[in-house]
Amino acid sequence: MNIESFQTYCLSKQGVTEEFPFGEETLVYKVMGKIFALTSLGSIPLTINLKCDPEKAAQLREEYDCVLPGYHMNKKHWNTITVDGSVKDIILREWIDHSYNLVVQSLPRKIKEQMI
């Protein structure tokens, strides 16, 4: 996965916006105003921060060398993934989906209804 395919995949999801709230180097993806993914445009290799269930986050960190506690994030709920080719794109997309779904599930019912 490269930055372009990451952008395309995130933007393909319902209710998602692409923003730069932390400066022009940090690309942030939000669903209905809540962050579910972000990346630094200058990171080589690409690194992405994704929200994650705490138990799953710990499991992924143990299983994959490229998964670390979230950089500049709540380390209980966020992972930083170095996209170095050690994990297939289909798995990365599953992790993006997991992050997106966690955020959507936490949205108030009224906001979720606006997504339909």
C-alpha atoms as a PDB file:
ATOM      1  CA  MET A   1       0.000   0.000   0.000  1.00  0.00           C
ATOM      2  CA  ASN A   2       1.267   3.458  -0.852  1.00  0.00           C
ATOM      3  CA  ILE A   3      -0.020   6.880   0.189  1.00  0.00           C
ATOM      4  CA  GLU A   4      -2.307   7.143  -2.851  1.00  0.00           C
ATOM      5  CA  SER A   5      -4.001   3.786  -2.273  1.00  0.00           C
ATOM      6  CA  PHE A   6      -4.315   4.610   1.453  1.00  0.00           C
ATOM      7  CA  GLN A   7      -6.016   7.915   0.575  1.00  0.00           C
ATOM      8  CA  THR A   8      -8.321   6.315  -1.977  1.00  0.00           C
ATOM      9  CA  TYR A   9      -9.354   3.542   0.395  1.00  0.00           C
ATOM     10  CA  CYS A  10     -10.061   5.886   3.315  1.00  0.00           C
ATOM     11  CA  LEU A  11     -12.038   8.295   1.130  1.00  0.00           C
ATOM     12  CA  SER A  12     -14.134   5.443  -0.289  1.00  0.00           C
ATOM     13  CA  LYS A  13     -15.824   5.028   3.080  1.00  0.00           C
ATOM     14  CA  GLN A  14     -19.138   6.684   3.882  1.00  0.00           C
ATOM     15  CA  GLY A  15     -19.015  10.009   5.759  1.00  0.00           C
ATOM     16  CA  VAL A  16     -15.215  10.405   5.488  1.00  0.00           C
ATOM     17  CA  THR A  17     -13.364  13.685   5.086  1.00  0.00           C
ATOM     18  CA  GLU A  18      -9.669  14.345   4.518  1.00  0.00           C
ATOM     19  CA  GLU A  19      -8.231  17.184   6.600  1.00  0.00           C
ATOM     20  CA  PHE A  20      -5.003  18.792   7.837  1.00  0.00           C
ATOM     21  CA  PRO A  21      -5.914  19.917  11.402  1.00  0.00           C
ATOM     22  CA  PHE A  22      -2.357  19.423  12.741  1.00  0.00           C
ATOM     23  CA  GLY A  23      -0.475  21.181   9.953  1.00  0.00           C
ATOM     24  CA  GLU A  24       0.252  20.514   6.312  1.00  0.00           C
ATOM     25  CA  GLU A  25       2.383  17.403   6.980  1.00  0.00           C
ATOM     26  CA  THR A  26      -0.240  15.375   8.876  1.00  0.00           C
ATOM     27  CA  LEU A  27      -3.037  13.959   6.749  1.00  0.00           C
ATOM     28  CA  VAL A  28      -6.094  13.062   8.856  1.00  0.00           C
ATOM     29  CA  TYR A  29      -9.178  11.022   7.952  1.00  0.00           C
ATOM     30  CA  LYS A  30     -12.351  11.582   9.914  1.00  0.00           C
ATOM     31  CA  VAL A  31     -15.750   9.948   9.832  1.00  0.00           C
ATOM     32  CA  MET A  32     -18.465  12.415  10.793  1.00  0.00           C
ATOM     33  CA  GLY A  33     -15.828  14.616  12.464  1.00  0.00           C
ATOM     34  CA  LYS A  34     -14.034  11.876  14.428  1.00  0.00           C
ATOM     35  CA  ILE A  35     -10.502  10.717  13.557  1.00  0.00           C
ATOM     36  CA  PHE A  36     -10.031   7.105  12.501  1.00  0.00           C
ATOM     37  CA  ALA A  37      -6.742   7.297  10.543  1.00  0.00           C
ATOM     38  CA  LEU A  38      -3.808   9.607  10.028  1.00  0.00           C
ATOM     39  CA  THR A  39      -0.388   9.666   8.442  1.00  0.00           C
ATOM     40  CA  SER A  40       2.612  11.923   8.092  1.00  0.00           C
ATOM     41  CA  LEU A  41       3.142  12.896   4.464  1.00  0.00           C
ATOM     42  CA  GLY A  42       6.908  12.928   5.020  1.00  0.00           C
ATOM     43  CA  SER A  43       7.226   9.446   6.479  1.00  0.00           C
ATOM     44  CA  ILE A  44       9.358   7.026   4.461  1.00  0.00           C
ATOM     45  CA  PRO A  45       8.361   4.277   4.634  1.00  0.00           C
ATOM     46  CA  LEU A  46       4.699   5.183   4.989  1.00  0.00           C
ATOM     47  CA  THR A  47       3.386   4.987   8.566  1.00  0.00           C
ATOM     48  CA  ILE A  48      -0.284   5.139   9.477  1.00  0.00           C
ATOM     49  CA  ASN A  49      -2.011   5.529  12.819  1.00  0.00           C
ATOM     50  CA  LEU A  50      -5.226   3.554  13.256  1.00  0.00           C
ATOM     51  CA  LYS A  51      -7.653   3.247  16.134  1.00  0.00           C
ATOM     52  CA  CYS A  52      -7.867  -0.274  17.517  1.00  0.00           C
ATOM     53  CA  ASP A  53      -9.685  -2.244  20.186  1.00  0.00           C
ATOM     54  CA  PRO A  54      -7.205  -2.396  23.126  1.00  0.00           C
ATOM     55  CA  GLU A  55      -7.015  -6.209  23.235  1.00  0.00           C
ATOM     56  CA  LYS A  56      -6.591  -6.474  19.487  1.00  0.00           C
ATOM     57  CA  ALA A  57      -4.013  -3.660  19.556  1.00  0.00           C
ATOM     58  CA  ALA A  58      -1.859  -5.605  22.015  1.00  0.00           C
ATOM     59  CA  GLN A  59      -2.239  -8.802  19.985  1.00  0.00           C
ATOM     60  CA  LEU A  60      -1.224  -7.093  16.734  1.00  0.00           C
ATOM     61  CA  ARG A  61       1.849  -5.554  18.401  1.00  0.00           C
ATOM     62  CA  GLU A  62       2.945  -9.001  19.553  1.00  0.00           C
ATOM     63  CA  GLU A  63       2.274 -10.647  16.204  1.00  0.00           C
ATOM     64  CA  TYR A  64       3.667  -8.026  13.793  1.00  0.00           C
ATOM     65  CA  ASP A  65       6.992  -6.199  14.093  1.00  0.00           C
ATOM     66  CA  CYS A  66       5.601  -3.357  11.971  1.00  0.00           C
ATOM     67  CA  VAL A  67       2.839  -2.569  14.525  1.00  0.00           C
ATOM     68  CA  LEU A  68       3.804  -0.290  17.413  1.00  0.00           C
ATOM     69  CA  PRO A  69       1.885   1.695  20.040  1.00  0.00           C
ATOM     70  CA  GLY A  70       0.349   4.799  18.477  1.00  0.00           C
ATOM     71  CA  TYR A  71       2.870   7.595  17.986  1.00  0.00           C
ATOM     72  CA  HIS A  72       1.566  10.801  19.635  1.00  0.00           C
ATOM     73  CA  MET A  73      -1.712   8.983  20.360  1.00  0.00           C
ATOM     74  CA  ASN A  74      -3.363   7.159  23.251  1.00  0.00           C
ATOM     75  CA  LYS A  75      -1.264   4.004  23.137  1.00  0.00           C
ATOM     76  CA  LYS A  76      -4.067   1.876  24.564  1.00  0.00           C
ATOM     77  CA  HIS A  77      -6.395   2.656  21.644  1.00  0.00           C
ATOM     78  CA  TRP A  78      -4.077   3.458  18.716  1.00  0.00           C
ATOM     79  CA  ASN A  79      -1.421   1.613  16.722  1.00  0.00           C
ATOM     80  CA  THR A  80       1.184   2.981  14.359  1.00  0.00           C
ATOM     81  CA  ILE A  81       1.783   0.683  11.409  1.00  0.00           C
ATOM     82  CA  THR A  82       4.936   0.925   9.324  1.00  0.00           C
ATOM     83  CA  VAL A  83       3.923  -0.003   5.791  1.00  0.00           C
ATOM     84  CA  ASP A  84       7.099  -1.859   4.891  1.00  0.00           C
ATOM     85  CA  GLY A  85       5.655  -4.698   2.812  1.00  0.00           C
ATOM     86  CA  SER A  86       5.655  -7.193   5.677  1.00  0.00           C
ATOM     87  CA  VAL A  87       1.827  -7.095   5.813  1.00  0.00           C
ATOM     88  CA  LYS A  88      -0.344  -7.603   2.735  1.00  0.00           C
ATOM     89  CA  ASP A  89      -2.602  -4.767   1.604  1.00  0.00           C
ATOM     90  CA  ILE A  90      -5.715  -6.835   2.299  1.00  0.00           C
ATOM     91  CA  ILE A  91      -4.712  -7.023   5.990  1.00  0.00           C
ATOM     92  CA  LEU A  92      -3.985  -3.280   6.080  1.00  0.00           C
ATOM     93  CA  ARG A  93      -7.445  -2.620   4.631  1.00  0.00           C
ATOM     94  CA  GLU A  94      -8.966  -4.857   7.335  1.00  0.00           C
ATOM     95  CA  TRP A  95      -7.177  -2.779   9.991  1.00  0.00           C
ATOM     96  CA  ILE A  96      -8.431   0.447   8.389  1.00  0.00           C
ATOM     97  CA  ASP A  97     -11.951  -1.033   8.352  1.00  0.00           C
ATOM     98  CA  HIS A  98     -11.618  -1.978  12.038  1.00  0.00           C
ATOM     99  CA  SER A  99     -10.576   1.578  12.922  1.00  0.00           C
ATOM    100  CA  TYR A 100     -13.397   3.108  10.868  1.00  0.00           C
ATOM    101  CA  ASN A 101     -15.990   0.736  12.359  1.00  0.00           C
ATOM    102  CA  LEU A 102     -14.855   1.438  15.936  1.00  0.00           C
ATOM    103  CA  VAL A 103     -15.357   5.149  15.395  1.00  0.00           C
ATOM    104  CA  VAL A 104     -18.722   4.711  13.640  1.00  0.00           C
ATOM    105  CA  GLN A 105     -19.948   2.468  16.477  1.00  0.00           C
ATOM    106  CA  SER A 106     -19.069   5.172  19.009  1.00  0.00           C
ATOM    107  CA  LEU A 107     -21.007   7.909  17.185  1.00  0.00           C
ATOM    108  CA  PRO A 108     -24.319   9.068  18.642  1.00  0.00           C
ATOM    109  CA  ARG A 109     -27.373   7.551  16.949  1.00  0.00           C
ATOM    110  CA  LYS A 110     -28.390  10.941  15.549  1.00  0.00           C
ATOM    111  CA  ILE A 111     -25.038  11.332  13.784  1.00  0.00           C
ATOM    112  CA  LYS A 112     -25.151   7.747  12.442  1.00  0.00           C
ATOM    113  CA  GLU A 113     -28.588   8.478  10.956  1.00  0.00           C
ATOM    114  CA  GLN A 114     -27.090  11.401   9.022  1.00  0.00           C
ATOM    115  CA  MET A 115     -24.732   8.951   7.292  1.00  0.00           C
ATOM    116  CA  ILE A 116     -27.607   7.046   5.685  1.00  0.00           C
END
